[in-house]
Structure formats: C-alpha cells, structure tokens
Amino acid sequence: MRRVRRALEILVGVALAVAWAVTLRPTSLGGPATYVVVRGDSMLPDFHSGDLVVLQARSDYGPGDVVGYRVPDGEIGAGHVVVHRIVEGDGALGYTVEGDNNPAPDPWVPRARDVAGRVWLFVPGLGSVIVLAHQPAVAGALAVTLLVMWFVARETSRKRRPFSPPALPNPTA
C-alpha cells in the first residue's frame, strides 16, 4: 500500500510540474507566462491595484482582449507592462488600447512585438503580498527567520539522539 501511495505522490508531482512548465512557466525561463502586479485603478472594476495578473502569449490579439504590453522604448515608463483592453487595430499597424476606467485611449500604440500576452489568470490581492516580500527589510527579516528556524530545528534533532558513550581504549593492545 505504501508503494502505491508513494508512486501516486510521484505521479501527481510530475503531472503538476509538467502543467506548470506548459502553462505557468515565466518567459524568463522560456515559458509562455508573464506575471504582472496591477498598479492603479485604470482597469476597475475587473482588476484592482495589488492583483496578480498572469499573461499568456498568443499568436494574435483583437478588439476586446485584455492584454499586457510593454511601453515602447524612448517613452516615459519604457519597458513597464501596462494591462489594458484592445479597442481596435492590429499587430502590424498597432493596437489602440484603453483602460476600462479611463476616459481616453493610451498615448502608446503597441504593435504585436510589444504585447506580452493576453490575461489568462488573475489572483486578487496576491500581487500586494509579492510586492511586500520584495522589500529589502521584509526579505531580510524572512531570511533571518528561516535561518533561526533551521538552527532551532538542528539543535532539537541533536537533543533527541540517544546518547552513546565513546568507545574506551582496549587495554590489551
């Protein structure tokens, strides 16, 4: 029974790893997903500041798609990913994009090469936790906490070992 359970655990682990690699692996690791933390209120009521949005690259995009695109080089905010809805256009000539809560389209006209992907998944509020964890003081405190926990666990496991006296020298030798 233990072997069957262990085999099942391994099978589930491998299946989860494959599913992650195919769907959620970040583009920095050669995958299809880009992770963006929403900032601002331009996409209310669907997305709030602090939500985590996962974008997946597609071959084409069209009006109505909510996409993330990189602000073009030479513009203020160059390289940042903006999550807005495509209003019109195409990948060759550029898309007109606009936040759902904005009164006018964005000043940028991203082309297909600028689009990181279409919104595939979002987790409300998780982006705020990620941003907080990236703060140097919080990351340092977390590292120290983990180090202390490791030392305490190590000392606790040493105390639980049964005592065995050292071997005495053999007087006949």
Protein backbone atom coordinates (compact mmCIF):
# COMPACT_ATOMS: atom_id res chain seq x y z
CA MET A 1 0.00 0.00 0.00
CA ARG A 2 2.88 2.37 0.80
CA ARG A 3 4.47 1.76 -2.59
CA VAL A 4 1.21 2.55 -4.38
CA ARG A 5 0.78 5.72 -2.35
CA ARG A 6 4.38 6.80 -2.98
CA ALA A 7 4.02 6.09 -6.72
CA LEU A 8 0.80 8.12 -6.79
CA GLU A 9 2.51 11.03 -4.99
CA ILE A 10 5.35 10.99 -7.52
CA LEU A 11 2.90 10.81 -10.43
CA VAL A 12 0.90 13.78 -9.11
CA GLY A 13 4.12 15.74 -8.53
CA VAL A 14 5.34 15.09 -12.07
CA ALA A 15 1.91 16.00 -13.51
CA LEU A 16 1.90 19.29 -11.57
CA ALA A 17 5.45 20.09 -12.71
CA VAL A 18 4.54 19.42 -16.35
CA ALA A 19 1.35 21.51 -16.06
CA TRP A 20 3.37 24.38 -14.55
CA ALA A 21 6.02 24.12 -17.28
CA VAL A 22 3.43 24.18 -20.05
CA THR A 23 1.14 26.92 -18.67
CA LEU A 24 2.72 28.97 -15.88
CA ARG A 25 6.47 28.91 -16.52
CA PRO A 26 7.68 32.53 -16.79
CA THR A 27 9.05 33.86 -20.06
CA SER A 28 12.40 34.39 -18.33
CA LEU A 29 12.61 30.57 -18.11
CA GLY A 30 11.41 30.04 -21.69
CA GLY A 31 7.75 29.67 -20.80
CA PRO A 32 4.58 31.34 -22.04
CA ALA A 33 3.61 33.30 -18.90
CA THR A 34 4.32 36.88 -17.85
CA TYR A 35 3.43 37.92 -14.30
CA VAL A 36 2.23 41.48 -13.66
CA VAL A 37 1.16 43.19 -10.44
CA VAL A 38 -1.65 45.63 -11.21
CA ARG A 39 -0.98 49.21 -10.08
CA GLY A 40 -3.60 51.91 -10.24
CA ASP A 41 -7.31 51.93 -10.97
CA SER A 42 -7.41 52.12 -14.78
CA MET A 43 -8.95 48.64 -15.10
CA LEU A 44 -11.64 48.93 -12.43
CA PRO A 45 -13.97 47.18 -11.76
CA ASP A 46 -12.27 43.99 -13.04
CA PHE A 47 -8.73 44.49 -11.73
CA HIS A 48 -7.71 46.36 -8.59
CA SER A 49 -4.34 47.66 -7.52
CA GLY A 50 -2.42 44.76 -5.96
CA ASP A 51 -3.97 41.98 -8.04
CA LEU A 52 -1.62 39.49 -9.70
CA VAL A 53 -2.28 39.00 -13.42
CA VAL A 54 -0.82 36.15 -15.45
CA LEU A 55 -0.49 36.84 -19.17
CA GLN A 56 -0.07 34.16 -21.82
CA ALA A 57 1.43 34.89 -25.21
CA ARG A 58 -0.83 34.25 -28.21
CA SER A 59 -0.29 34.35 -31.93
CA ASP A 60 -2.89 37.07 -32.45
CA TYR A 61 -4.92 39.58 -30.46
CA GLY A 62 -8.02 41.53 -31.27
CA PRO A 63 -10.54 44.10 -30.02
CA GLY A 64 -11.94 43.18 -26.61
CA ASP A 65 -8.84 41.27 -25.47
CA VAL A 66 -7.29 42.46 -22.22
CA VAL A 67 -3.56 42.37 -22.86
CA GLY A 68 -0.33 43.39 -21.21
CA TYR A 69 2.06 45.37 -23.38
CA ARG A 70 5.44 46.94 -22.80
CA VAL A 71 5.68 50.70 -23.01
CA PRO A 72 7.82 51.41 -26.11
CA ASP A 73 11.47 52.48 -25.80
CA GLY A 74 12.02 56.21 -25.60
CA GLU A 75 8.70 56.81 -23.81
CA ILE A 76 8.13 57.61 -20.16
CA GLY A 77 7.83 54.28 -18.36
CA ALA A 78 9.62 52.39 -21.14
CA GLY A 79 9.67 48.65 -20.51
CA HIS A 80 6.88 48.64 -17.92
CA VAL A 81 3.96 46.33 -18.67
CA VAL A 82 0.55 48.02 -18.91
CA VAL A 83 -2.59 45.87 -18.68
CA HIS A 84 -5.41 47.39 -20.78
CA ARG A 85 -8.09 46.38 -23.28
CA ILE A 86 -7.58 46.46 -27.06
CA VAL A 87 -10.16 48.82 -28.59
CA GLU A 88 -9.15 48.48 -32.24
CA GLY A 89 -6.22 47.89 -34.56
CA ASP A 90 -3.94 45.02 -35.45
CA GLY A 91 -0.47 43.76 -34.68
CA ALA A 92 1.17 45.18 -37.79
CA LEU A 93 -0.05 48.80 -37.61
CA GLY A 94 -0.55 48.85 -33.84
CA TYR A 95 -3.35 48.50 -31.35
CA THR A 96 -5.42 51.24 -29.77
CA VAL A 97 -5.62 50.27 -26.10
CA GLU A 98 -7.53 51.80 -23.22
CA GLY A 99 -8.13 51.08 -19.56
CA ASP A 100 -11.75 50.19 -18.78
CA ASN A 101 -11.85 53.01 -16.23
CA ASN A 102 -10.05 55.58 -18.41
CA PRO A 103 -11.80 58.32 -20.40
CA ALA A 104 -9.42 58.11 -23.40
CA PRO A 105 -7.12 55.63 -25.16
CA ASP A 106 -3.49 55.24 -24.13
CA PRO A 107 -0.94 57.52 -25.82
CA TRP A 108 1.06 54.49 -26.99
CA VAL A 109 0.17 52.32 -29.98
CA PRO A 110 1.77 48.95 -29.23
CA ARG A 111 2.49 46.51 -32.03
CA ALA A 112 2.39 42.72 -31.79
CA ARG A 113 6.05 42.58 -30.68
CA ASP A 114 5.23 44.86 -27.70
CA VAL A 115 2.38 42.67 -26.40
CA ALA A 116 3.47 40.31 -23.61
CA GLY A 117 0.23 38.35 -23.69
CA ARG A 118 -3.48 38.20 -23.01
CA VAL A 119 -4.83 37.96 -19.47
CA TRP A 120 -5.18 34.27 -18.73
CA LEU A 121 -5.48 34.20 -14.95
CA PHE A 122 -5.61 36.65 -12.09
CA VAL A 123 -5.42 36.31 -8.33
CA PRO A 124 -6.97 39.19 -6.37
CA GLY A 125 -4.59 40.76 -3.84
CA LEU A 126 -1.67 38.34 -4.29
CA GLY A 127 0.40 40.98 -6.06
CA SER A 128 0.44 43.10 -2.88
CA VAL A 129 1.95 40.21 -0.94
CA ILE A 130 4.60 39.69 -3.63
CA VAL A 131 5.49 43.39 -3.69
CA LEU A 132 5.76 43.39 0.11
CA ALA A 133 8.01 40.32 0.09
CA HIS A 134 10.36 42.08 -2.36
CA GLN A 135 11.01 44.93 0.07
CA PRO A 136 14.59 44.62 1.37
CA ALA A 137 13.63 44.82 5.05
CA VAL A 138 10.92 42.17 4.68
CA ALA A 139 13.14 39.87 2.60
CA GLY A 140 15.93 40.24 5.18
CA ALA A 141 13.58 39.51 8.07
CA LEU A 142 12.29 36.44 6.25
CA ALA A 143 15.84 35.21 5.62
CA VAL A 144 16.80 35.68 9.29
CA THR A 145 13.61 33.93 10.42
CA LEU A 146 14.34 30.93 8.19
CA LEU A 147 17.94 30.79 9.44
CA VAL A 148 16.83 30.85 13.10
CA MET A 149 14.23 28.15 12.41
CA TRP A 150 16.91 25.99 10.78
CA PHE A 151 19.25 26.36 13.80
CA VAL A 152 16.45 25.59 16.28
CA ALA A 153 15.39 22.51 14.32
CA ARG A 154 19.00 21.36 14.12
CA GLU A 155 19.53 21.72 17.86
CA THR A 156 16.25 19.98 18.62
CA SER A 157 17.18 16.99 16.46
CA ARG A 158 20.58 16.74 18.20
CA LYS A 159 18.94 16.61 21.62
CA ARG A 160 16.68 13.75 20.59
CA ARG A 161 19.51 11.42 19.56
CA PRO A 162 20.19 8.71 22.11
CA PHE A 163 23.47 9.09 23.96
CA SER A 164 26.13 6.51 23.25
CA PRO A 165 29.32 6.68 25.30
CA PRO A 166 32.60 6.91 23.45
CA ALA A 167 34.48 3.67 22.92
CA LEU A 168 37.12 3.02 25.57
CA PRO A 169 40.65 2.15 24.51
CA ASN A 170 41.47 -1.54 24.54
CA PRO A 171 43.98 -2.11 27.44
CA THR A 172 45.25 -5.40 25.95
CA ALA A 173 46.52 -3.85 22.76
